[in-house]
């Protein structure tokens, strides 16, 4: 695991084609698993079955710094990687494929703490976004990834959120 600054995060995202979300593959929004063990299992399946391989980048986007006990857990993980900068200076966590179990744990903890975070795959604009613990958005990257993601929602009995478009002038 390597911690990245905002500039390093931007460079990694640019190198891997994450400048903007593609309109060709719409987002899948759904309610996150309620139990922590199910949450971890689901995130592990997303990495294994949708992301498939390569590096993943996790960005802690928004934290509740009032809950210092939660921040201590994240800081302990950062200390294990000899990271001494504060989370605000290096909010990105880059994981090699053989470190995915750490990415699963960290994403799951962030969701459990109700902190917003992103998890990006290195190919095909794969992205999992946690909306403060209760709602996830997944950009699967391609049709195969979309089908696999929808199967995971069924397997884990997660409710898909249907977003209705608003009509103008009414």
N, C-alpha and C. Protein backbone atom coordinates (compact mmCIF):
# COMPACT_ATOMS: atom_id res chain seq x y z
N UNK A 1 0.84 -1.18 0.00
CA UNK A 1 0.00 0.00 0.00
C UNK A 1 0.88 1.23 0.00
N UNK A 2 0.48 2.19 -0.81
CA UNK A 2 1.19 3.46 -0.86
C UNK A 2 0.16 4.57 -0.74
N UNK A 3 0.45 5.56 0.07
CA UNK A 3 -0.45 6.71 0.23
C UNK A 3 -0.08 7.78 -0.79
N UNK A 4 -1.12 8.40 -1.39
CA UNK A 4 -0.91 9.38 -2.45
C UNK A 4 -1.48 10.74 -2.07
N UNK A 5 -0.82 11.78 -2.54
CA UNK A 5 -1.29 13.16 -2.38
C UNK A 5 -2.39 13.42 -3.41
N UNK A 6 -3.15 14.51 -3.26
CA UNK A 6 -4.15 14.84 -4.28
C UNK A 6 -3.55 14.94 -5.70
N UNK A 7 -2.36 15.52 -5.83
CA UNK A 7 -1.72 15.62 -7.15
C UNK A 7 -1.40 14.23 -7.70
N UNK A 8 -0.87 13.34 -6.87
CA UNK A 8 -0.56 11.98 -7.31
C UNK A 8 -1.83 11.21 -7.67
N UNK A 9 -2.90 11.46 -6.94
CA UNK A 9 -4.19 10.84 -7.25
C UNK A 9 -4.65 11.27 -8.64
N UNK A 10 -4.61 12.58 -8.90
CA UNK A 10 -5.01 13.11 -10.20
C UNK A 10 -4.19 12.50 -11.33
N UNK A 11 -2.89 12.36 -11.11
CA UNK A 11 -2.01 11.78 -12.13
C UNK A 11 -2.37 10.32 -12.39
N UNK A 12 -2.62 9.55 -11.33
CA UNK A 12 -2.99 8.14 -11.49
C UNK A 12 -4.32 8.02 -12.24
N UNK A 13 -5.30 8.83 -11.85
CA UNK A 13 -6.61 8.78 -12.50
C UNK A 13 -6.49 9.14 -13.98
N UNK A 14 -5.70 10.14 -14.29
CA UNK A 14 -5.51 10.56 -15.68
C UNK A 14 -4.83 9.45 -16.49
N UNK A 15 -3.80 8.83 -15.92
CA UNK A 15 -3.08 7.74 -16.59
C UNK A 15 -4.01 6.57 -16.92
N UNK A 16 -5.04 6.37 -16.09
CA UNK A 16 -5.93 5.22 -16.25
C UNK A 16 -7.29 5.59 -16.82
N UNK A 17 -7.40 6.80 -17.39
CA UNK A 17 -8.61 7.18 -18.12
C UNK A 17 -9.82 7.51 -17.28
N UNK A 18 -9.61 8.00 -16.07
CA UNK A 18 -10.72 8.32 -15.17
C UNK A 18 -11.07 9.80 -15.13
N UNK A 19 -10.72 10.55 -16.17
CA UNK A 19 -10.99 11.99 -16.14
C UNK A 19 -12.48 12.29 -16.02
N UNK A 20 -13.29 11.51 -16.72
CA UNK A 20 -14.74 11.71 -16.64
C UNK A 20 -15.43 10.37 -16.83
N UNK A 21 -16.62 10.28 -16.28
CA UNK A 21 -17.39 9.05 -16.42
C UNK A 21 -17.99 8.98 -17.81
N UNK A 22 -17.95 7.81 -18.39
CA UNK A 22 -18.51 7.60 -19.72
C UNK A 22 -20.03 7.52 -19.65
N UNK A 23 -20.70 8.19 -20.58
CA UNK A 23 -22.16 8.08 -20.67
C UNK A 23 -22.58 6.75 -21.27
N UNK A 24 -21.64 6.03 -21.87
CA UNK A 24 -21.97 4.75 -22.51
C UNK A 24 -22.32 3.67 -21.49
N UNK A 25 -21.77 3.73 -20.31
CA UNK A 25 -22.05 2.73 -19.29
C UNK A 25 -22.57 3.44 -18.05
N UNK A 26 -23.89 3.51 -17.89
CA UNK A 26 -24.47 4.27 -16.78
C UNK A 26 -24.15 3.64 -15.42
N UNK A 27 -24.30 4.46 -14.44
CA UNK A 27 -24.04 4.06 -13.06
C UNK A 27 -25.14 3.11 -12.57
N UNK A 28 -24.74 2.18 -11.71
CA UNK A 28 -25.68 1.31 -11.00
C UNK A 28 -25.68 1.79 -9.56
N UNK A 29 -26.81 2.26 -9.07
CA UNK A 29 -26.93 2.73 -7.68
C UNK A 29 -27.72 1.69 -6.89
N UNK A 30 -27.30 1.45 -5.65
CA UNK A 30 -27.96 0.44 -4.84
C UNK A 30 -27.66 0.67 -3.36
N UNK A 31 -28.50 0.07 -2.53
CA UNK A 31 -28.29 0.16 -1.08
C UNK A 31 -27.20 -0.83 -0.69
N UNK A 32 -26.29 -0.38 0.13
CA UNK A 32 -25.15 -1.18 0.55
C UNK A 32 -25.58 -2.27 1.52
N UNK A 33 -24.79 -3.34 1.62
CA UNK A 33 -25.08 -4.37 2.63
C UNK A 33 -25.09 -3.75 4.03
N UNK A 34 -26.02 -4.20 4.86
CA UNK A 34 -26.18 -3.62 6.20
C UNK A 34 -25.17 -4.16 7.20
N UNK A 35 -24.82 -5.42 7.09
CA UNK A 35 -23.88 -6.03 8.04
C UNK A 35 -22.46 -5.90 7.51
N UNK A 36 -21.53 -5.66 8.45
CA UNK A 36 -20.14 -5.44 8.06
C UNK A 36 -19.56 -6.65 7.33
N UNK A 37 -19.85 -7.85 7.78
CA UNK A 37 -19.31 -9.05 7.12
C UNK A 37 -19.83 -9.16 5.69
N UNK A 38 -21.10 -8.83 5.47
CA UNK A 38 -21.66 -8.86 4.11
C UNK A 38 -21.05 -7.75 3.26
N UNK A 39 -20.81 -6.62 3.88
CA UNK A 39 -20.18 -5.49 3.18
C UNK A 39 -18.80 -5.89 2.68
N UNK A 40 -17.99 -6.47 3.54
CA UNK A 40 -16.66 -6.92 3.15
C UNK A 40 -16.73 -7.97 2.04
N UNK A 41 -17.62 -8.92 2.19
CA UNK A 41 -17.77 -9.98 1.18
C UNK A 41 -18.18 -9.39 -0.16
N UNK A 42 -19.11 -8.43 -0.14
CA UNK A 42 -19.57 -7.81 -1.37
C UNK A 42 -18.43 -7.06 -2.06
N UNK A 43 -17.69 -6.24 -1.31
CA UNK A 43 -16.59 -5.46 -1.90
C UNK A 43 -15.53 -6.41 -2.46
N UNK A 44 -15.25 -7.49 -1.75
CA UNK A 44 -14.29 -8.48 -2.26
C UNK A 44 -14.77 -9.07 -3.59
N UNK A 45 -16.06 -9.37 -3.70
CA UNK A 45 -16.61 -9.91 -4.94
C UNK A 45 -16.55 -8.89 -6.07
N UNK A 46 -16.81 -7.62 -5.76
CA UNK A 46 -16.72 -6.58 -6.79
C UNK A 46 -15.29 -6.51 -7.33
N UNK A 47 -14.32 -6.53 -6.44
CA UNK A 47 -12.93 -6.49 -6.89
C UNK A 47 -12.59 -7.72 -7.73
N UNK A 48 -12.94 -8.89 -7.24
CA UNK A 48 -12.59 -10.14 -7.92
C UNK A 48 -13.34 -10.31 -9.24
N UNK A 49 -14.66 -10.03 -9.23
CA UNK A 49 -15.50 -10.39 -10.37
C UNK A 49 -15.76 -9.25 -11.35
N UNK A 50 -15.66 -8.00 -10.91
CA UNK A 50 -15.91 -6.86 -11.80
C UNK A 50 -14.58 -6.18 -12.15
N UNK A 51 -13.79 -5.82 -11.15
CA UNK A 51 -12.52 -5.16 -11.42
C UNK A 51 -11.52 -6.16 -12.01
N UNK A 52 -11.51 -7.39 -11.54
CA UNK A 52 -10.76 -8.54 -12.06
C UNK A 52 -9.26 -8.54 -11.77
N UNK A 53 -8.55 -7.48 -12.06
CA UNK A 53 -7.10 -7.50 -11.84
C UNK A 53 -6.55 -6.08 -11.84
N UNK A 54 -5.29 -5.95 -11.40
CA UNK A 54 -4.59 -4.68 -11.44
C UNK A 54 -4.64 -3.90 -10.14
N UNK A 55 -4.05 -2.73 -10.18
CA UNK A 55 -4.04 -1.85 -9.02
C UNK A 55 -5.43 -1.30 -8.77
N UNK A 56 -5.67 -0.92 -7.52
CA UNK A 56 -6.88 -0.16 -7.17
C UNK A 56 -6.46 1.04 -6.33
N UNK A 57 -7.18 2.12 -6.53
CA UNK A 57 -6.92 3.36 -5.79
C UNK A 57 -8.15 3.70 -4.97
N UNK A 58 -7.95 3.88 -3.68
CA UNK A 58 -9.03 4.28 -2.79
C UNK A 58 -8.77 5.71 -2.35
N UNK A 59 -9.80 6.54 -2.45
CA UNK A 59 -9.71 7.93 -2.00
C UNK A 59 -10.71 8.14 -0.88
N UNK A 60 -10.20 8.54 0.27
CA UNK A 60 -11.07 8.95 1.37
C UNK A 60 -11.46 10.38 1.06
N UNK A 61 -12.72 10.56 0.68
CA UNK A 61 -13.19 11.84 0.15
C UNK A 61 -13.71 12.76 1.25
N UNK A 62 -14.41 12.21 2.20
CA UNK A 62 -15.08 13.04 3.21
C UNK A 62 -15.13 12.25 4.50
N UNK A 63 -14.57 12.80 5.54
CA UNK A 63 -14.54 12.10 6.83
C UNK A 63 -15.25 12.93 7.88
N UNK A 64 -15.66 12.25 8.92
CA UNK A 64 -16.22 12.90 10.09
C UNK A 64 -15.09 12.97 11.11
N UNK A 65 -14.31 14.04 11.04
CA UNK A 65 -13.14 14.14 11.90
C UNK A 65 -13.49 14.30 13.37
N UNK A 66 -14.78 14.50 13.66
CA UNK A 66 -15.21 14.57 15.05
C UNK A 66 -15.09 13.20 15.73
N UNK A 67 -15.12 12.16 14.93
CA UNK A 67 -15.04 10.81 15.49
C UNK A 67 -13.58 10.35 15.47
N UNK A 68 -12.82 10.83 16.41
CA UNK A 68 -11.39 10.57 16.44
C UNK A 68 -11.07 9.08 16.55
N UNK A 69 -11.93 8.33 17.20
CA UNK A 69 -11.65 6.89 17.34
C UNK A 69 -11.64 6.21 15.97
N UNK A 70 -12.48 6.68 15.04
CA UNK A 70 -12.49 6.12 13.69
C UNK A 70 -11.22 6.51 12.94
N UNK A 71 -10.82 7.75 13.09
CA UNK A 71 -9.62 8.22 12.43
C UNK A 71 -8.40 7.46 12.93
N UNK A 72 -8.38 7.08 14.19
CA UNK A 72 -7.25 6.33 14.75
C UNK A 72 -7.07 4.99 14.03
N UNK A 73 -8.16 4.34 13.66
CA UNK A 73 -8.08 3.07 12.94
C UNK A 73 -7.40 3.27 11.59
N UNK A 74 -7.84 4.31 10.86
CA UNK A 74 -7.27 4.61 9.54
C UNK A 74 -5.80 5.00 9.69
N UNK A 75 -5.48 5.81 10.68
CA UNK A 75 -4.09 6.22 10.90
C UNK A 75 -3.22 5.02 11.25
N UNK A 76 -3.74 4.06 11.99
CA UNK A 76 -2.96 2.86 12.31
C UNK A 76 -2.60 2.09 11.04
N UNK A 77 -3.54 1.98 10.11
CA UNK A 77 -3.25 1.33 8.84
C UNK A 77 -2.18 2.10 8.07
N UNK A 78 -2.27 3.41 8.09
CA UNK A 78 -1.29 4.25 7.40
C UNK A 78 0.09 4.10 8.04
N UNK A 79 0.13 4.00 9.36
CA UNK A 79 1.41 3.83 10.06
C UNK A 79 2.07 2.51 9.69
N UNK A 80 1.26 1.47 9.45
CA UNK A 80 1.81 0.18 9.04
C UNK A 80 2.55 0.30 7.70
N UNK A 81 2.14 1.26 6.89
CA UNK A 81 2.80 1.50 5.59
C UNK A 81 3.85 2.61 5.71
N UNK A 82 4.24 2.94 6.94
CA UNK A 82 5.23 3.99 7.21
C UNK A 82 4.81 5.35 6.67
N UNK A 83 3.51 5.60 6.62
CA UNK A 83 2.98 6.88 6.17
C UNK A 83 2.85 7.81 7.37
N UNK A 84 3.54 8.94 7.33
CA UNK A 84 3.53 9.87 8.45
C UNK A 84 2.74 11.14 8.16
N UNK A 85 2.41 11.39 6.89
CA UNK A 85 1.63 12.59 6.56
C UNK A 85 0.20 12.40 7.05
N UNK A 86 -0.48 13.50 7.41
CA UNK A 86 -1.87 13.38 7.83
C UNK A 86 -2.76 12.97 6.65
N UNK A 87 -3.91 12.40 6.98
CA UNK A 87 -4.87 11.96 5.97
C UNK A 87 -5.24 13.10 5.02
N UNK A 88 -5.34 14.32 5.53
CA UNK A 88 -5.70 15.46 4.68
C UNK A 88 -4.65 15.76 3.61
N UNK A 89 -3.39 15.38 3.84
CA UNK A 89 -2.31 15.65 2.89
C UNK A 89 -2.09 14.49 1.91
N UNK A 90 -2.49 13.30 2.30
CA UNK A 90 -2.32 12.13 1.42
C UNK A 90 -3.54 11.20 1.60
N UNK A 91 -4.69 11.62 1.03
CA UNK A 91 -5.94 10.87 1.24
C UNK A 91 -6.12 9.66 0.33
N UNK A 92 -5.17 9.42 -0.58
CA UNK A 92 -5.28 8.29 -1.49
C UNK A 92 -4.50 7.08 -0.99
N UNK A 93 -5.03 5.90 -1.28
CA UNK A 93 -4.39 4.64 -0.91
C UNK A 93 -4.30 3.79 -2.17
N UNK A 94 -3.10 3.54 -2.64
CA UNK A 94 -2.89 2.73 -3.85
C UNK A 94 -2.51 1.32 -3.43
N UNK A 95 -3.27 0.35 -3.92
CA UNK A 95 -3.05 -1.05 -3.56
C UNK A 95 -2.69 -1.85 -4.81
N UNK A 96 -1.62 -2.63 -4.72
CA UNK A 96 -1.29 -3.59 -5.77
C UNK A 96 -2.32 -4.73 -5.69
N UNK A 97 -2.39 -5.51 -6.75
CA UNK A 97 -3.38 -6.60 -6.79
C UNK A 97 -3.21 -7.57 -5.62
N UNK A 98 -1.98 -7.83 -5.20
CA UNK A 98 -1.78 -8.76 -4.08
C UNK A 98 -2.08 -8.12 -2.72
N UNK A 99 -2.53 -6.86 -2.71
CA UNK A 99 -2.91 -6.17 -1.48
C UNK A 99 -4.42 -5.88 -1.44
N UNK A 100 -5.18 -6.46 -2.33
CA UNK A 100 -6.60 -6.16 -2.42
C UNK A 100 -7.35 -6.39 -1.11
N UNK A 101 -6.91 -7.37 -0.32
CA UNK A 101 -7.63 -7.61 0.95
C UNK A 101 -7.59 -6.37 1.83
N UNK A 102 -6.52 -5.59 1.74
CA UNK A 102 -6.43 -4.35 2.51
C UNK A 102 -7.38 -3.29 1.95
N UNK A 103 -7.51 -3.25 0.63
CA UNK A 103 -8.45 -2.32 0.00
C UNK A 103 -9.89 -2.66 0.40
N UNK A 104 -10.21 -3.95 0.44
CA UNK A 104 -11.54 -4.40 0.87
C UNK A 104 -11.83 -3.92 2.29
N UNK A 105 -10.88 -4.14 3.18
CA UNK A 105 -11.04 -3.75 4.58
C UNK A 105 -11.19 -2.23 4.72
N UNK A 106 -10.32 -1.48 4.04
CA UNK A 106 -10.35 -0.04 4.18
C UNK A 106 -11.63 0.56 3.60
N UNK A 107 -12.06 0.09 2.42
CA UNK A 107 -13.31 0.58 1.84
C UNK A 107 -14.47 0.25 2.77
N UNK A 108 -14.49 -0.96 3.29
CA UNK A 108 -15.58 -1.40 4.18
C UNK A 108 -15.61 -0.58 5.46
N UNK A 109 -14.44 -0.32 6.03
CA UNK A 109 -14.38 0.53 7.23
C UNK A 109 -14.91 1.93 6.94
N UNK A 110 -14.51 2.50 5.82
CA UNK A 110 -14.99 3.84 5.45
C UNK A 110 -16.50 3.85 5.31
N UNK A 111 -17.05 2.84 4.68
CA UNK A 111 -18.52 2.76 4.53
C UNK A 111 -19.17 2.61 5.90
N UNK A 112 -18.58 1.79 6.75
CA UNK A 112 -19.11 1.58 8.09
C UNK A 112 -19.05 2.85 8.94
N UNK A 113 -18.04 3.68 8.70
CA UNK A 113 -17.89 4.94 9.42
C UNK A 113 -18.76 6.05 8.81
N UNK A 114 -19.44 5.75 7.70
CA UNK A 114 -20.25 6.73 6.96
C UNK A 114 -19.39 7.84 6.36
N UNK A 115 -18.20 7.47 5.91
CA UNK A 115 -17.31 8.38 5.22
C UNK A 115 -17.41 8.12 3.73
N UNK A 116 -17.47 9.17 2.94
CA UNK A 116 -17.50 9.01 1.48
C UNK A 116 -16.12 8.56 1.01
N UNK A 117 -16.12 7.60 0.09
CA UNK A 117 -14.85 7.19 -0.50
C UNK A 117 -15.08 6.57 -1.88
N UNK A 118 -14.05 6.66 -2.69
CA UNK A 118 -14.03 6.09 -4.02
C UNK A 118 -13.06 4.92 -4.05
N UNK A 119 -13.37 3.94 -4.88
CA UNK A 119 -12.45 2.85 -5.17
C UNK A 119 -12.41 2.72 -6.69
N UNK A 120 -11.24 3.00 -7.28
CA UNK A 120 -11.09 2.97 -8.73
C UNK A 120 -10.23 1.80 -9.15
N UNK A 121 -10.62 1.13 -10.22
CA UNK A 121 -9.80 0.11 -10.85
C UNK A 121 -8.93 0.76 -11.92
N UNK A 122 -7.87 0.08 -12.29
CA UNK A 122 -6.93 0.70 -13.23
C UNK A 122 -7.36 0.59 -14.68
N UNK A 123 -8.46 -0.09 -14.97
CA UNK A 123 -8.87 -0.23 -16.36
C UNK A 123 -10.35 0.07 -16.54
N UNK A 124 -10.73 0.48 -17.70
CA UNK A 124 -12.12 0.64 -18.14
C UNK A 124 -12.99 1.51 -17.23
N UNK A 125 -12.41 2.48 -16.58
CA UNK A 125 -13.14 3.42 -15.73
C UNK A 125 -13.97 2.73 -14.64
N UNK A 126 -13.50 1.61 -14.13
CA UNK A 126 -14.19 0.91 -13.05
C UNK A 126 -14.16 1.74 -11.79
N UNK A 127 -15.33 1.97 -11.19
CA UNK A 127 -15.40 2.81 -9.99
C UNK A 127 -16.50 2.32 -9.06
N UNK A 128 -16.19 2.23 -7.78
CA UNK A 128 -17.18 1.99 -6.74
C UNK A 128 -17.13 3.19 -5.80
N UNK A 129 -18.28 3.81 -5.57
CA UNK A 129 -18.36 5.01 -4.73
C UNK A 129 -19.31 4.74 -3.58
N UNK A 130 -18.87 5.08 -2.39
CA UNK A 130 -19.67 4.93 -1.18
C UNK A 130 -20.25 6.28 -0.78
N UNK A 131 -21.57 6.35 -0.75
CA UNK A 131 -22.28 7.57 -0.32
C UNK A 131 -22.55 7.47 1.17
N UNK A 132 -21.59 7.79 1.99
CA UNK A 132 -21.78 7.84 3.43
C UNK A 132 -22.38 6.56 4.01
N UNK A 133 -21.97 5.42 3.45
CA UNK A 133 -22.29 4.14 4.06
C UNK A 133 -23.55 3.45 3.59
N UNK A 134 -24.56 4.17 3.19
CA UNK A 134 -25.84 3.53 2.90
C UNK A 134 -26.07 3.25 1.43
N UNK A 135 -25.52 4.05 0.56
CA UNK A 135 -25.75 3.92 -0.88
C UNK A 135 -24.41 3.83 -1.59
N UNK A 136 -24.33 2.88 -2.51
CA UNK A 136 -23.15 2.74 -3.36
C UNK A 136 -23.53 3.06 -4.79
N UNK A 137 -22.59 3.61 -5.52
CA UNK A 137 -22.69 3.76 -6.98
C UNK A 137 -21.56 2.93 -7.57
N UNK A 138 -21.87 2.22 -8.65
CA UNK A 138 -20.87 1.41 -9.33
C UNK A 138 -20.91 1.71 -10.81
N UNK A 139 -19.75 2.09 -11.35
CA UNK A 139 -19.58 2.23 -12.79
C UNK A 139 -18.81 1.00 -13.24
N UNK A 140 -19.47 0.05 -13.90
CA UNK A 140 -18.84 -1.24 -14.18
C UNK A 140 -17.88 -1.26 -15.37
N UNK A 141 -17.81 -0.22 -16.16
CA UNK A 141 -16.82 -0.14 -17.22
C UNK A 141 -17.23 -0.72 -18.57
N UNK A 142 -17.93 -1.84 -18.57
CA UNK A 142 -18.35 -2.46 -19.83
C UNK A 142 -19.59 -3.32 -19.58
N UNK A 143 -20.14 -3.87 -20.63
CA UNK A 143 -21.38 -4.66 -20.51
C UNK A 143 -21.18 -5.92 -19.68
N UNK A 144 -20.07 -6.59 -19.84
CA UNK A 144 -19.79 -7.79 -19.03
C UNK A 144 -19.74 -7.43 -17.55
N UNK A 145 -19.06 -6.32 -17.23
CA UNK A 145 -18.98 -5.86 -15.85
C UNK A 145 -20.34 -5.48 -15.30
N UNK A 146 -21.17 -4.87 -16.14
CA UNK A 146 -22.53 -4.50 -15.71
C UNK A 146 -23.35 -5.75 -15.37
N UNK A 147 -23.30 -6.75 -16.24
CA UNK A 147 -24.04 -8.00 -15.98
C UNK A 147 -23.54 -8.69 -14.71
N UNK A 148 -22.23 -8.72 -14.54
CA UNK A 148 -21.66 -9.32 -13.34
C UNK A 148 -22.08 -8.56 -12.09
N UNK A 149 -22.04 -7.23 -12.16
CA UNK A 149 -22.44 -6.40 -11.02
C UNK A 149 -23.91 -6.64 -10.66
N UNK A 150 -24.78 -6.72 -11.66
CA UNK A 150 -26.20 -6.96 -11.39
C UNK A 150 -26.42 -8.34 -10.78
N UNK A 151 -25.64 -9.33 -11.19
CA UNK A 151 -25.72 -10.66 -10.58
C UNK A 151 -25.28 -10.60 -9.11
N UNK A 152 -24.26 -9.81 -8.82
CA UNK A 152 -23.81 -9.66 -7.43
C UNK A 152 -24.91 -9.01 -6.59
N UNK A 153 -25.62 -8.04 -7.14
CA UNK A 153 -26.72 -7.42 -6.40
C UNK A 153 -27.78 -8.48 -6.06
N UNK A 154 -28.08 -9.35 -6.99
CA UNK A 154 -29.04 -10.43 -6.73
C UNK A 154 -28.51 -11.39 -5.67
N UNK A 155 -27.27 -11.80 -5.82
CA UNK A 155 -26.66 -12.75 -4.88
C UNK A 155 -26.69 -12.21 -3.45
N UNK A 156 -26.38 -10.93 -3.30
CA UNK A 156 -26.32 -10.32 -1.97
C UNK A 156 -27.67 -9.71 -1.55
N UNK A 157 -28.68 -9.86 -2.41
CA UNK A 157 -30.03 -9.35 -2.12
C UNK A 157 -30.01 -7.84 -1.82
N UNK A 158 -29.30 -7.10 -2.69
CA UNK A 158 -29.20 -5.65 -2.53
C UNK A 158 -30.20 -4.98 -3.45
N UNK A 159 -30.85 -3.96 -2.93
CA UNK A 159 -31.89 -3.26 -3.68
C UNK A 159 -31.29 -2.19 -4.57
N UNK A 160 -31.57 -2.32 -5.86
CA UNK A 160 -31.12 -1.33 -6.84
C UNK A 160 -31.98 -0.08 -6.69
N UNK A 161 -31.37 1.07 -6.85
CA UNK A 161 -32.07 2.35 -6.78
C UNK A 161 -32.33 2.81 -8.20
N UNK A 162 -33.57 3.02 -8.52
CA UNK A 162 -33.95 3.50 -9.85
C UNK A 162 -34.03 5.02 -9.77
N UNK A 163 -33.22 5.66 -10.57
CA UNK A 163 -33.22 7.13 -10.60
C UNK A 163 -34.09 7.59 -11.75
N UNK A 164 -35.08 8.35 -11.41
CA UNK A 164 -36.00 8.86 -12.43
C UNK A 164 -35.50 10.20 -12.93
N UNK A 165 -35.59 10.40 -14.24
CA UNK A 165 -35.17 11.70 -14.78
C UNK A 165 -36.29 12.69 -14.58
N UNK A 166 -35.91 13.90 -14.27
CA UNK A 166 -36.90 14.97 -14.04
C UNK A 166 -37.24 15.63 -15.37
N UNK A 167 -38.50 15.96 -15.53
CA UNK A 167 -38.90 16.66 -16.75
C UNK A 167 -38.83 18.15 -16.50
N UNK A 168 -38.44 18.87 -17.52
CA UNK A 168 -38.30 20.33 -17.37
C UNK A 168 -39.64 21.00 -17.51
N UNK A 169 -39.81 22.06 -16.76
CA UNK A 169 -41.00 22.90 -16.90
C UNK A 169 -42.24 22.39 -16.20
N UNK A 170 -42.13 21.35 -15.41
CA UNK A 170 -43.30 20.82 -14.69
C UNK A 170 -43.09 20.86 -13.21
